[in-house]
Amino acid sequence: MILVMSLILVVLLALLEQGSAILLPPPGPNTHGYKVAVSHFPLTDVAHKDPHNQAENRRIMVSTFIPVNKTSCTNECEIPYMPPQTARIAGEQFLLNAPKGVFEMMGYNVCCGTSKDTDASKYPVVVLEPHVDTSRLLYTNMARYMSANGVAVILLDHPGDSSIVEFPQSDKSSPSTIYNSGTVPLSNFSPLTSWNDTITSAITTRIQDINFALTQLTSLPLLKQQFPSLRLTSALNTTSYGIVGHGLGGTVATSLSFSNPKGILFSINLSGTPPPPPPPPHPHLLLRPQRLSPLK
């Protein structure tokens, strides 16, 4: 996997040096049965204050990926991989001495027109949780490929522990961009070594955000507003769902499988340190380096 990602990065940098825009290839038509529609939008949880700013209601950014049958997708539109500030921060974090502008030049096609009604409730739901101090949008391509297999995928930014969250500038009383800047003192380059109040608070906040987002996504009016071209006849069914997490997101995935065994269909923990409780009673997968061990 690391070798594949390295080769992809080499190709992207080569294209960048030639001054070419980078249109990411779609999921293979012979291996994936669906096109994918995408919407990025904010949600405000009026029932909870932001733990990092008690003067404000909790706000999150959500990316939702919904499969569309290939035969009914009538139009595709190109959208950017990330907004400008997020692309700049991602480049500074992960591309080091590479030429600037890689993420800024990346884009991909989404389905933006359908000829038939879409029953979103029939698609299984998977939450894809990012690592701490990163952007949810780094995981966009992974979400696209998952969704092209017939799965509705939900990506969340958690303001305060995400590296950067860019909100649409609709409410001028609230900041349009929120940076981590040490708000949650956890690193995406260091494994968790002890279970403390910082980790507990971060996980609790993330789980609260996930529960809130999944509740909102059962609203058909909300989804129709965010996907006007899909001709939706139902909202997502989030009564049960799978969760895949990377790093701290993996720790969240395993934690949720402990606390919500009836609602979690499966959990996959990619390189996240597992929490202390005993294994959950349903399928879960933990992929982690040998140096990591369960927290005590």
C-alpha atoms as a PDB file:
ATOM      1  CA  MET A   1       0.000   0.000   0.000  1.00  0.00           C
ATOM      2  CA  ILE A   2       2.802   2.434   0.880  1.00  0.00           C
ATOM      3  CA  LEU A   3       4.568   1.594  -2.406  1.00  0.00           C
ATOM      4  CA  VAL A   4       1.372   2.208  -4.394  1.00  0.00           C
ATOM      5  CA  MET A   5       0.798   5.571  -2.680  1.00  0.00           C
ATOM      6  CA  SER A   6       4.435   6.548  -3.311  1.00  0.00           C
ATOM      7  CA  LEU A   7       4.105   5.749  -7.022  1.00  0.00           C
ATOM      8  CA  ILE A   8       0.894   7.771  -7.218  1.00  0.00           C
ATOM      9  CA  LEU A   9       2.642  10.710  -5.559  1.00  0.00           C
ATOM     10  CA  VAL A  10       5.526  10.501  -8.079  1.00  0.00           C
ATOM     11  CA  VAL A  11       3.026  10.635 -10.951  1.00  0.00           C
ATOM     12  CA  LEU A  12       1.192  13.592  -9.396  1.00  0.00           C
ATOM     13  CA  LEU A  13       4.417  15.521  -8.895  1.00  0.00           C
ATOM     14  CA  ALA A  14       5.471  14.808 -12.476  1.00  0.00           C
ATOM     15  CA  LEU A  15       2.168  16.147 -13.771  1.00  0.00           C
ATOM     16  CA  LEU A  16       2.513  19.195 -11.555  1.00  0.00           C
ATOM     17  CA  GLU A  17       5.986  19.983 -12.901  1.00  0.00           C
ATOM     18  CA  GLN A  18       4.499  19.884 -16.417  1.00  0.00           C
ATOM     19  CA  GLY A  19       1.886  22.416 -15.339  1.00  0.00           C
ATOM     20  CA  SER A  20      -0.994  19.987 -15.867  1.00  0.00           C
ATOM     21  CA  ALA A  21      -4.145  19.878 -13.816  1.00  0.00           C
ATOM     22  CA  ILE A  22      -4.538  16.577 -12.001  1.00  0.00           C
ATOM     23  CA  LEU A  23      -7.873  14.828 -12.604  1.00  0.00           C
ATOM     24  CA  LEU A  24      -7.968  11.752 -10.404  1.00  0.00           C
ATOM     25  CA  PRO A  25      -9.107   8.625 -12.251  1.00  0.00           C
ATOM     26  CA  PRO A  26     -12.551   7.274 -11.406  1.00  0.00           C
ATOM     27  CA  PRO A  27     -13.151   3.865  -9.855  1.00  0.00           C
ATOM     28  CA  GLY A  28     -12.761   1.236 -12.577  1.00  0.00           C
ATOM     29  CA  PRO A  29     -15.972   0.597 -14.535  1.00  0.00           C
ATOM     30  CA  ASN A  30     -15.254  -3.148 -14.635  1.00  0.00           C
ATOM     31  CA  THR A  31     -14.669  -3.447 -10.889  1.00  0.00           C
ATOM     32  CA  HIS A  32     -17.095  -0.898  -9.423  1.00  0.00           C
ATOM     33  CA  GLY A  33     -20.798  -0.887 -10.150  1.00  0.00           C
ATOM     34  CA  TYR A  34     -21.662   2.722  -9.370  1.00  0.00           C
ATOM     35  CA  LYS A  35     -20.892   6.343 -10.106  1.00  0.00           C
ATOM     36  CA  VAL A  36     -20.667   8.552  -7.014  1.00  0.00           C
ATOM     37  CA  ALA A  37     -22.449  11.784  -6.057  1.00  0.00           C
ATOM     38  CA  VAL A  38     -20.772  13.976  -3.436  1.00  0.00           C
ATOM     39  CA  SER A  39     -21.830  16.875  -1.261  1.00  0.00           C
ATOM     40  CA  HIS A  40     -19.839  18.867   1.327  1.00  0.00           C
ATOM     41  CA  PHE A  41     -21.901  20.811   3.853  1.00  0.00           C
ATOM     42  CA  PRO A  42     -21.910  22.150   7.422  1.00  0.00           C
ATOM     43  CA  LEU A  43     -24.138  20.988  10.266  1.00  0.00           C
ATOM     44  CA  THR A  44     -24.774  22.839  13.530  1.00  0.00           C
ATOM     45  CA  ASP A  45     -25.582  20.928  16.711  1.00  0.00           C
ATOM     46  CA  VAL A  46     -27.683  23.353  18.732  1.00  0.00           C
ATOM     47  CA  ALA A  47     -27.956  20.808  21.564  1.00  0.00           C
ATOM     48  CA  HIS A  48     -24.226  20.947  22.333  1.00  0.00           C
ATOM     49  CA  LYS A  49     -21.716  23.732  22.777  1.00  0.00           C
ATOM     50  CA  ASP A  50     -18.326  23.418  21.135  1.00  0.00           C
ATOM     51  CA  PRO A  51     -15.977  21.922  23.757  1.00  0.00           C
ATOM     52  CA  HIS A  52     -13.207  24.195  22.461  1.00  0.00           C
ATOM     53  CA  ASN A  53     -15.374  27.337  22.434  1.00  0.00           C
ATOM     54  CA  GLN A  54     -18.275  27.287  24.870  1.00  0.00           C
ATOM     55  CA  ALA A  55     -19.712  30.494  23.397  1.00  0.00           C
ATOM     56  CA  GLU A  56     -20.601  28.677  20.161  1.00  0.00           C
ATOM     57  CA  ASN A  57     -22.830  25.792  19.191  1.00  0.00           C
ATOM     58  CA  ARG A  58     -20.883  22.809  17.878  1.00  0.00           C
ATOM     59  CA  ARG A  59     -20.368  23.000  14.103  1.00  0.00           C
ATOM     60  CA  ILE A  60     -18.953  20.259  11.899  1.00  0.00           C
ATOM     61  CA  MET A  61     -18.251  19.779   8.199  1.00  0.00           C
ATOM     62  CA  VAL A  62     -19.628  16.664   6.512  1.00  0.00           C
ATOM     63  CA  SER A  63     -18.816  15.041   3.180  1.00  0.00           C
ATOM     64  CA  THR A  64     -21.419  12.532   2.006  1.00  0.00           C
ATOM     65  CA  PHE A  65     -20.816  10.110  -0.870  1.00  0.00           C
ATOM     66  CA  ILE A  66     -23.887   8.395  -2.352  1.00  0.00           C
ATOM     67  CA  PRO A  67     -23.738   5.656  -5.027  1.00  0.00           C
ATOM     68  CA  VAL A  68     -25.594   6.238  -8.273  1.00  0.00           C
ATOM     69  CA  ASN A  69     -26.309   3.418 -10.706  1.00  0.00           C
ATOM     70  CA  LYS A  70     -24.049   3.857 -13.719  1.00  0.00           C
ATOM     71  CA  THR A  71     -26.921   3.512 -16.161  1.00  0.00           C
ATOM     72  CA  SER A  72     -28.914   6.319 -14.527  1.00  0.00           C
ATOM     73  CA  CYS A  73     -26.106   8.871 -14.121  1.00  0.00           C
ATOM     74  CA  THR A  74     -26.674  11.340 -16.969  1.00  0.00           C
ATOM     75  CA  ASN A  75     -24.052  13.979 -16.199  1.00  0.00           C
ATOM     76  CA  GLU A  76     -20.686  14.288 -14.450  1.00  0.00           C
ATOM     77  CA  CYS A  77     -19.087  17.449 -13.082  1.00  0.00           C
ATOM     78  CA  GLU A  78     -15.498  18.129 -12.031  1.00  0.00           C
ATOM     79  CA  ILE A  79     -14.956  19.463  -8.512  1.00  0.00           C
ATOM     80  CA  PRO A  80     -11.741  20.321  -6.611  1.00  0.00           C
ATOM     81  CA  TYR A  81     -10.211  17.766  -4.287  1.00  0.00           C
ATOM     82  CA  MET A  82      -9.848  20.371  -1.522  1.00  0.00           C
ATOM     83  CA  PRO A  83     -10.560  24.080  -1.011  1.00  0.00           C
ATOM     84  CA  PRO A  84      -7.481  26.337  -1.215  1.00  0.00           C
ATOM     85  CA  GLN A  85      -6.534  26.722   2.451  1.00  0.00           C
ATOM     86  CA  THR A  86      -6.990  23.019   3.201  1.00  0.00           C
ATOM     87  CA  ALA A  87      -4.883  22.128   0.157  1.00  0.00           C
ATOM     88  CA  ARG A  88      -2.098  24.442   1.328  1.00  0.00           C
ATOM     89  CA  ILE A  89      -2.069  22.988   4.857  1.00  0.00           C
ATOM     90  CA  ALA A  90      -2.112  19.406   3.532  1.00  0.00           C
ATOM     91  CA  GLY A  91       0.828  20.158   1.263  1.00  0.00           C
ATOM     92  CA  GLU A  92       2.836  21.669   4.112  1.00  0.00           C
ATOM     93  CA  GLN A  93       2.083  18.676   6.346  1.00  0.00           C
ATOM     94  CA  PHE A  94       2.628  15.753   4.019  1.00  0.00           C
ATOM     95  CA  LEU A  95       4.555  16.794   0.904  1.00  0.00           C
ATOM     96  CA  LEU A  96       7.478  18.495   2.689  1.00  0.00           C
ATOM     97  CA  ASN A  97       9.910  19.728   0.007  1.00  0.00           C
ATOM     98  CA  ALA A  98       7.708  18.834  -2.946  1.00  0.00           C
ATOM     99  CA  PRO A  99       6.622  21.625  -5.326  1.00  0.00           C
ATOM    100  CA  LYS A 100       3.777  23.693  -3.967  1.00  0.00           C
ATOM    101  CA  GLY A 101       0.310  23.391  -5.435  1.00  0.00           C
ATOM    102  CA  VAL A 102      -0.137  19.607  -5.719  1.00  0.00           C
ATOM    103  CA  PHE A 103      -3.402  19.364  -3.794  1.00  0.00           C
ATOM    104  CA  GLU A 104      -4.568  22.691  -5.244  1.00  0.00           C
ATOM    105  CA  MET A 105      -4.438  21.234  -8.764  1.00  0.00           C
ATOM    106  CA  MET A 106      -6.228  17.975  -7.974  1.00  0.00           C
ATOM    107  CA  GLY A 107      -9.843  17.378  -8.941  1.00  0.00           C
ATOM    108  CA  TYR A 108     -12.261  14.540  -9.638  1.00  0.00           C
ATOM    109  CA  ASN A 109     -15.578  13.885 -11.355  1.00  0.00           C
ATOM    110  CA  VAL A 110     -18.847  13.325  -9.526  1.00  0.00           C
ATOM    111  CA  CYS A 111     -22.282  12.344 -10.750  1.00  0.00           C
ATOM    112  CA  CYS A 112     -24.404  15.501 -10.935  1.00  0.00           C
ATOM    113  CA  GLY A 113     -27.422  14.344 -12.915  1.00  0.00           C
ATOM    114  CA  THR A 114     -29.684  11.286 -12.878  1.00  0.00           C
ATOM    115  CA  SER A 115     -32.495   9.953 -15.025  1.00  0.00           C
ATOM    116  CA  LYS A 116     -34.102   7.806 -12.314  1.00  0.00           C
ATOM    117  CA  ASP A 117     -35.191   8.156  -8.683  1.00  0.00           C
ATOM    118  CA  THR A 118     -32.629   7.292  -6.000  1.00  0.00           C
ATOM    119  CA  ASP A 119     -33.606   5.266  -2.927  1.00  0.00           C
ATOM    120  CA  ALA A 120     -30.765   6.182  -0.557  1.00  0.00           C
ATOM    121  CA  SER A 121     -32.142   4.029   2.264  1.00  0.00           C
ATOM    122  CA  LYS A 122     -31.132   0.834   0.457  1.00  0.00           C
ATOM    123  CA  TYR A 123     -27.414   1.616   0.649  1.00  0.00           C
ATOM    124  CA  PRO A 124     -25.381   0.462   3.655  1.00  0.00           C
ATOM    125  CA  VAL A 125     -23.752   3.343   5.530  1.00  0.00           C
ATOM    126  CA  VAL A 126     -20.056   3.492   6.441  1.00  0.00           C
ATOM    127  CA  VAL A 127     -18.441   6.242   8.496  1.00  0.00           C
ATOM    128  CA  LEU A 128     -14.827   6.919   7.490  1.00  0.00           C
ATOM    129  CA  GLU A 129     -12.987   8.566  10.403  1.00  0.00           C
ATOM    130  CA  PRO A 130      -9.754  10.500   9.710  1.00  0.00           C
ATOM    131  CA  HIS A 131      -6.610  10.664  11.828  1.00  0.00           C
ATOM    132  CA  VAL A 132      -6.070  13.515  14.280  1.00  0.00           C
ATOM    133  CA  ASP A 133      -4.579  16.765  12.916  1.00  0.00           C
ATOM    134  CA  THR A 134      -5.531  15.969   9.309  1.00  0.00           C
ATOM    135  CA  SER A 135      -8.412  16.972   7.060  1.00  0.00           C
ATOM    136  CA  ARG A 136     -11.272  14.635   6.207  1.00  0.00           C
ATOM    137  CA  LEU A 137     -10.642  15.573   2.572  1.00  0.00           C
ATOM    138  CA  LEU A 138      -7.368  13.636   2.509  1.00  0.00           C
ATOM    139  CA  TYR A 139      -9.589  10.536   2.538  1.00  0.00           C
ATOM    140  CA  THR A 140     -11.802  11.627  -0.365  1.00  0.00           C
ATOM    141  CA  ASN A 141     -10.421   9.157  -2.890  1.00  0.00           C
ATOM    142  CA  MET A 142     -10.775   6.263  -0.449  1.00  0.00           C
ATOM    143  CA  ALA A 143     -14.383   7.326   0.170  1.00  0.00           C
ATOM    144  CA  ARG A 144     -15.053   7.522  -3.588  1.00  0.00           C
ATOM    145  CA  TYR A 145     -13.848   3.983  -4.187  1.00  0.00           C
ATOM    146  CA  MET A 146     -15.785   2.622  -1.210  1.00  0.00           C
ATOM    147  CA  SER A 147     -18.965   4.346  -2.369  1.00  0.00           C
ATOM    148  CA  ALA A 148     -18.543   3.059  -5.942  1.00  0.00           C
ATOM    149  CA  ASN A 149     -19.116  -0.416  -4.499  1.00  0.00           C
ATOM    150  CA  GLY A 150     -22.651   0.539  -3.437  1.00  0.00           C
ATOM    151  CA  VAL A 151     -22.016   2.105  -0.013  1.00  0.00           C
ATOM    152  CA  ALA A 152     -22.983   5.537   1.327  1.00  0.00           C
ATOM    153  CA  VAL A 153     -19.841   6.956   2.959  1.00  0.00           C
ATOM    154  CA  ILE A 154     -19.751   9.713   5.575  1.00  0.00           C
ATOM    155  CA  LEU A 155     -16.586  11.748   6.225  1.00  0.00           C
ATOM    156  CA  LEU A 156     -16.430  14.243   9.106  1.00  0.00           C
ATOM    157  CA  ASP A 157     -14.094  17.010  10.164  1.00  0.00           C
ATOM    158  CA  HIS A 158     -13.971  17.487  13.929  1.00  0.00           C
ATOM    159  CA  PRO A 159     -13.067  21.153  14.566  1.00  0.00           C
ATOM    160  CA  GLY A 160     -10.391  21.417  17.212  1.00  0.00           C
ATOM    161  CA  ASP A 161      -8.590  18.198  16.318  1.00  0.00           C
ATOM    162  CA  SER A 162      -8.762  18.431  12.503  1.00  0.00           C
ATOM    163  CA  SER A 163      -5.764  20.265  11.023  1.00  0.00           C
ATOM    164  CA  ILE A 164      -8.099  22.753   9.344  1.00  0.00           C
ATOM    165  CA  VAL A 165     -11.853  23.022   8.740  1.00  0.00           C
ATOM    166  CA  GLU A 166     -13.162  25.404   6.088  1.00  0.00           C
ATOM    167  CA  PHE A 167     -16.828  26.337   6.474  1.00  0.00           C
ATOM    168  CA  PRO A 168     -18.934  28.132   3.859  1.00  0.00           C
ATOM    169  CA  GLN A 169     -18.984  31.818   4.810  1.00  0.00           C
ATOM    170  CA  SER A 170     -22.725  32.075   5.475  1.00  0.00           C
ATOM    171  CA  ASP A 171     -22.672  33.108   9.133  1.00  0.00           C
ATOM    172  CA  LYS A 172     -20.301  36.062   9.593  1.00  0.00           C
ATOM    173  CA  SER A 173     -20.561  35.839  13.385  1.00  0.00           C
ATOM    174  CA  SER A 174     -18.643  32.517  13.317  1.00  0.00           C
ATOM    175  CA  PRO A 175     -15.169  31.917  11.873  1.00  0.00           C
ATOM    176  CA  SER A 176     -15.125  30.423   8.373  1.00  0.00           C
ATOM    177  CA  THR A 177     -11.846  28.574   8.985  1.00  0.00           C
ATOM    178  CA  ILE A 178     -10.842  26.721  12.153  1.00  0.00           C
ATOM    179  CA  TYR A 179      -7.274  25.526  12.664  1.00  0.00           C
ATOM    180  CA  ASN A 180      -6.048  22.980  15.205  1.00  0.00           C
ATOM    181  CA  SER A 181      -3.047  25.062  16.346  1.00  0.00           C
ATOM    182  CA  GLY A 182      -2.547  22.825  19.363  1.00  0.00           C
ATOM    183  CA  THR A 183      -6.184  22.917  20.514  1.00  0.00           C
ATOM    184  CA  VAL A 184      -6.039  19.131  20.787  1.00  0.00           C
ATOM    185  CA  PRO A 185      -2.385  18.326  21.586  1.00  0.00           C
ATOM    186  CA  LEU A 186      -2.169  15.044  19.656  1.00  0.00           C
ATOM    187  CA  SER A 187       0.067  14.320  16.663  1.00  0.00           C
ATOM    188  CA  ASN A 188      -0.732  12.426  13.482  1.00  0.00           C
ATOM    189  CA  PHE A 189       2.892  11.212  13.441  1.00  0.00           C
ATOM    190  CA  SER A 190       3.002   9.746  16.979  1.00  0.00           C
ATOM    191  CA  PRO A 191       1.087   6.739  18.367  1.00  0.00           C
ATOM    192  CA  LEU A 192      -0.952   7.066  21.530  1.00  0.00           C
ATOM    193  CA  THR A 193       1.074   5.775  24.481  1.00  0.00           C
ATOM    194  CA  SER A 194      -1.304   6.328  27.406  1.00  0.00           C
ATOM    195  CA  TRP A 195      -5.014   6.721  28.013  1.00  0.00           C
ATOM    196  CA  ASN A 196      -5.547  10.187  29.450  1.00  0.00           C
ATOM    197  CA  ASP A 197      -8.105  13.007  29.637  1.00  0.00           C
ATOM    198  CA  THR A 198      -6.967  14.496  26.321  1.00  0.00           C
ATOM    199  CA  ILE A 199      -7.636  11.255  24.439  1.00  0.00           C
ATOM    200  CA  THR A 200     -10.886  10.580  26.294  1.00  0.00           C
ATOM    201  CA  SER A 201     -12.172  14.076  25.512  1.00  0.00           C
ATOM    202  CA  ALA A 202     -11.191  13.866  21.836  1.00  0.00           C
ATOM    203  CA  ILE A 203     -12.888  10.482  21.399  1.00  0.00           C
ATOM    204  CA  THR A 204     -16.025  11.577  23.269  1.00  0.00           C
ATOM    205  CA  THR A 205     -16.306  14.680  21.077  1.00  0.00           C
ATOM    206  CA  ARG A 206     -15.844  12.680  17.887  1.00  0.00           C
ATOM    207  CA  ILE A 207     -18.479  10.124  18.870  1.00  0.00           C
ATOM    208  CA  GLN A 208     -20.895  12.945  19.704  1.00  0.00           C
ATOM    209  CA  ASP A 209     -20.232  14.481  16.263  1.00  0.00           C
ATOM    210  CA  ILE A 210     -20.777  11.141  14.518  1.00  0.00           C
ATOM    211  CA  ASN A 211     -24.051  10.464  16.323  1.00  0.00           C
ATOM    212  CA  PHE A 212     -25.307  13.952  15.508  1.00  0.00           C
ATOM    213  CA  ALA A 213     -24.370  13.725  11.818  1.00  0.00           C
ATOM    214  CA  LEU A 214     -25.968  10.309  11.389  1.00  0.00           C
ATOM    215  CA  THR A 215     -29.184  11.579  12.965  1.00  0.00           C
ATOM    216  CA  GLN A 216     -29.281  14.558  10.589  1.00  0.00           C
ATOM    217  CA  LEU A 217     -28.682  12.386   7.540  1.00  0.00           C
ATOM    218  CA  THR A 218     -31.975  10.582   8.131  1.00  0.00           C
ATOM    219  CA  SER A 219     -33.706  13.803   7.012  1.00  0.00           C
ATOM    220  CA  LEU A 220     -34.943  13.592   3.424  1.00  0.00           C
ATOM    221  CA  PRO A 221     -35.350  17.407   3.096  1.00  0.00           C
ATOM    222  CA  LEU A 222     -31.704  17.881   4.138  1.00  0.00           C
ATOM    223  CA  LEU A 223     -30.410  15.341   1.609  1.00  0.00           C
ATOM    224  CA  LYS A 224     -32.601  16.752  -1.157  1.00  0.00           C
ATOM    225  CA  GLN A 225     -31.129  20.176  -0.449  1.00  0.00           C
ATOM    226  CA  GLN A 226     -27.569  18.844  -0.618  1.00  0.00           C
ATOM    227  CA  PHE A 227     -28.164  16.531  -3.607  1.00  0.00           C
ATOM    228  CA  PRO A 228     -30.683  18.406  -5.789  1.00  0.00           C
ATOM    229  CA  SER A 229     -29.800  16.379  -8.914  1.00  0.00           C
ATOM    230  CA  LEU A 230     -30.304  12.904  -7.407  1.00  0.00           C
ATOM    231  CA  ARG A 231     -34.123  12.744  -7.361  1.00  0.00           C
ATOM    232  CA  LEU A 232     -33.987  11.218  -3.867  1.00  0.00           C
ATOM    233  CA  THR A 233     -37.043   9.342  -2.626  1.00  0.00           C
ATOM    234  CA  SER A 234     -35.644   8.467   0.826  1.00  0.00           C
ATOM    235  CA  ALA A 235     -32.925   9.516   3.247  1.00  0.00           C
ATOM    236  CA  LEU A 236     -30.108   7.332   4.555  1.00  0.00           C
ATOM    237  CA  ASN A 237     -30.910   4.582   7.032  1.00  0.00           C
ATOM    238  CA  THR A 238     -28.351   5.075   9.805  1.00  0.00           C
ATOM    239  CA  THR A 239     -29.904   2.732  12.377  1.00  0.00           C
ATOM    240  CA  SER A 240     -26.858   0.510  11.922  1.00  0.00           C
ATOM    241  CA  TYR A 241     -23.623   1.240  10.129  1.00  0.00           C
ATOM    242  CA  GLY A 242     -20.000   0.231   9.681  1.00  0.00           C
ATOM    243  CA  ILE A 243     -17.056   2.387  10.669  1.00  0.00           C
ATOM    244  CA  VAL A 244     -13.524   2.516   9.293  1.00  0.00           C
ATOM    245  CA  GLY A 245     -10.969   4.708  11.051  1.00  0.00           C
ATOM    246  CA  HIS A 246      -7.338   5.650  10.592  1.00  0.00           C
ATOM    247  CA  GLY A 247      -5.077   6.547  13.525  1.00  0.00           C
ATOM    248  CA  LEU A 248      -7.179   8.263  16.176  1.00  0.00           C
ATOM    249  CA  GLY A 249     -10.136   7.574  13.901  1.00  0.00           C
ATOM    250  CA  GLY A 250      -9.338   3.862  14.280  1.00  0.00           C
ATOM    251  CA  THR A 251      -9.337   4.226  18.055  1.00  0.00           C
ATOM    252  CA  VAL A 252     -12.757   5.881  17.717  1.00  0.00           C
ATOM    253  CA  ALA A 253     -13.980   3.003  15.509  1.00  0.00           C
ATOM    254  CA  THR A 254     -12.991   0.395  18.079  1.00  0.00           C
ATOM    255  CA  SER A 255     -14.388   2.511  20.932  1.00  0.00           C
ATOM    256  CA  LEU A 256     -17.741   2.801  19.173  1.00  0.00           C
ATOM    257  CA  SER A 257     -17.884  -0.948  18.664  1.00  0.00           C
ATOM    258  CA  PHE A 258     -17.591  -1.304  22.462  1.00  0.00           C
ATOM    259  CA  SER A 259     -20.178   1.345  23.342  1.00  0.00           C
ATOM    260  CA  ASN A 260     -22.716   0.629  20.572  1.00  0.00           C
ATOM    261  CA  PRO A 261     -22.523  -3.105  19.764  1.00  0.00           C
ATOM    262  CA  LYS A 262     -26.102  -3.225  18.425  1.00  0.00           C
ATOM    263  CA  GLY A 263     -25.639  -0.295  16.041  1.00  0.00           C
ATOM    264  CA  ILE A 264     -22.177  -1.071  14.700  1.00  0.00           C
ATOM    265  CA  LEU A 265     -22.183  -3.709  11.956  1.00  0.00           C
ATOM    266  CA  PHE A 266     -18.385  -3.844  11.811  1.00  0.00           C
ATOM    267  CA  SER A 267     -15.394  -1.709  12.744  1.00  0.00           C
ATOM    268  CA  ILE A 268     -11.989  -1.497  11.057  1.00  0.00           C
ATOM    269  CA  ASN A 269      -9.113   0.127  12.914  1.00  0.00           C
ATOM    270  CA  LEU A 270      -6.253   1.188  10.602  1.00  0.00           C
ATOM    271  CA  SER A 271      -3.124   1.807  12.707  1.00  0.00           C
ATOM    272  CA  GLY A 272      -5.041   3.236  15.649  1.00  0.00           C
ATOM    273  CA  THR A 273      -4.129   2.303  19.195  1.00  0.00           C
ATOM    274  CA  PRO A 274      -6.893   0.063  20.601  1.00  0.00           C
ATOM    275  CA  PRO A 275      -8.700   1.244  23.740  1.00  0.00           C
ATOM    276  CA  PRO A 276      -8.596  -0.765  26.989  1.00  0.00           C
ATOM    277  CA  PRO A 277     -12.000  -2.601  27.069  1.00  0.00           C
ATOM    278  CA  PRO A 278     -12.408  -6.257  25.991  1.00  0.00           C
ATOM    279  CA  PRO A 279     -13.094  -7.126  22.332  1.00  0.00           C
ATOM    280  CA  PRO A 280     -16.566  -6.300  20.986  1.00  0.00           C
ATOM    281  CA  PRO A 281     -19.096  -9.098  20.297  1.00  0.00           C
ATOM    282  CA  HIS A 282     -19.249  -8.500  16.538  1.00  0.00           C
ATOM    283  CA  PRO A 283     -16.753  -8.478  13.647  1.00  0.00           C
ATOM    284  CA  HIS A 284     -13.941  -5.963  13.937  1.00  0.00           C
ATOM    285  CA  LEU A 285     -10.546  -5.701  12.308  1.00  0.00           C
ATOM    286  CA  LEU A 286      -7.471  -4.081  13.812  1.00  0.00           C
ATOM    287  CA  LEU A 287      -4.517  -3.284  11.544  1.00  0.00           C
ATOM    288  CA  ARG A 288      -1.627  -1.720  13.420  1.00  0.00           C
ATOM    289  CA  PRO A 289       2.163  -1.647  13.472  1.00  0.00           C
ATOM    290  CA  GLN A 290       3.905  -4.098  15.814  1.00  0.00           C
ATOM    291  CA  ARG A 291       5.194  -1.292  18.020  1.00  0.00           C
ATOM    292  CA  LEU A 292       1.683  -0.372  19.188  1.00  0.00           C
ATOM    293  CA  SER A 293       0.050  -2.171  22.088  1.00  0.00           C
ATOM    294  CA  PRO A 294      -3.375  -1.836  23.749  1.00  0.00           C
ATOM    295  CA  LEU A 295      -3.581   1.070  26.154  1.00  0.00           C
ATOM    296  CA  LYS A 296      -3.955   0.326  29.835  1.00  0.00           C
END
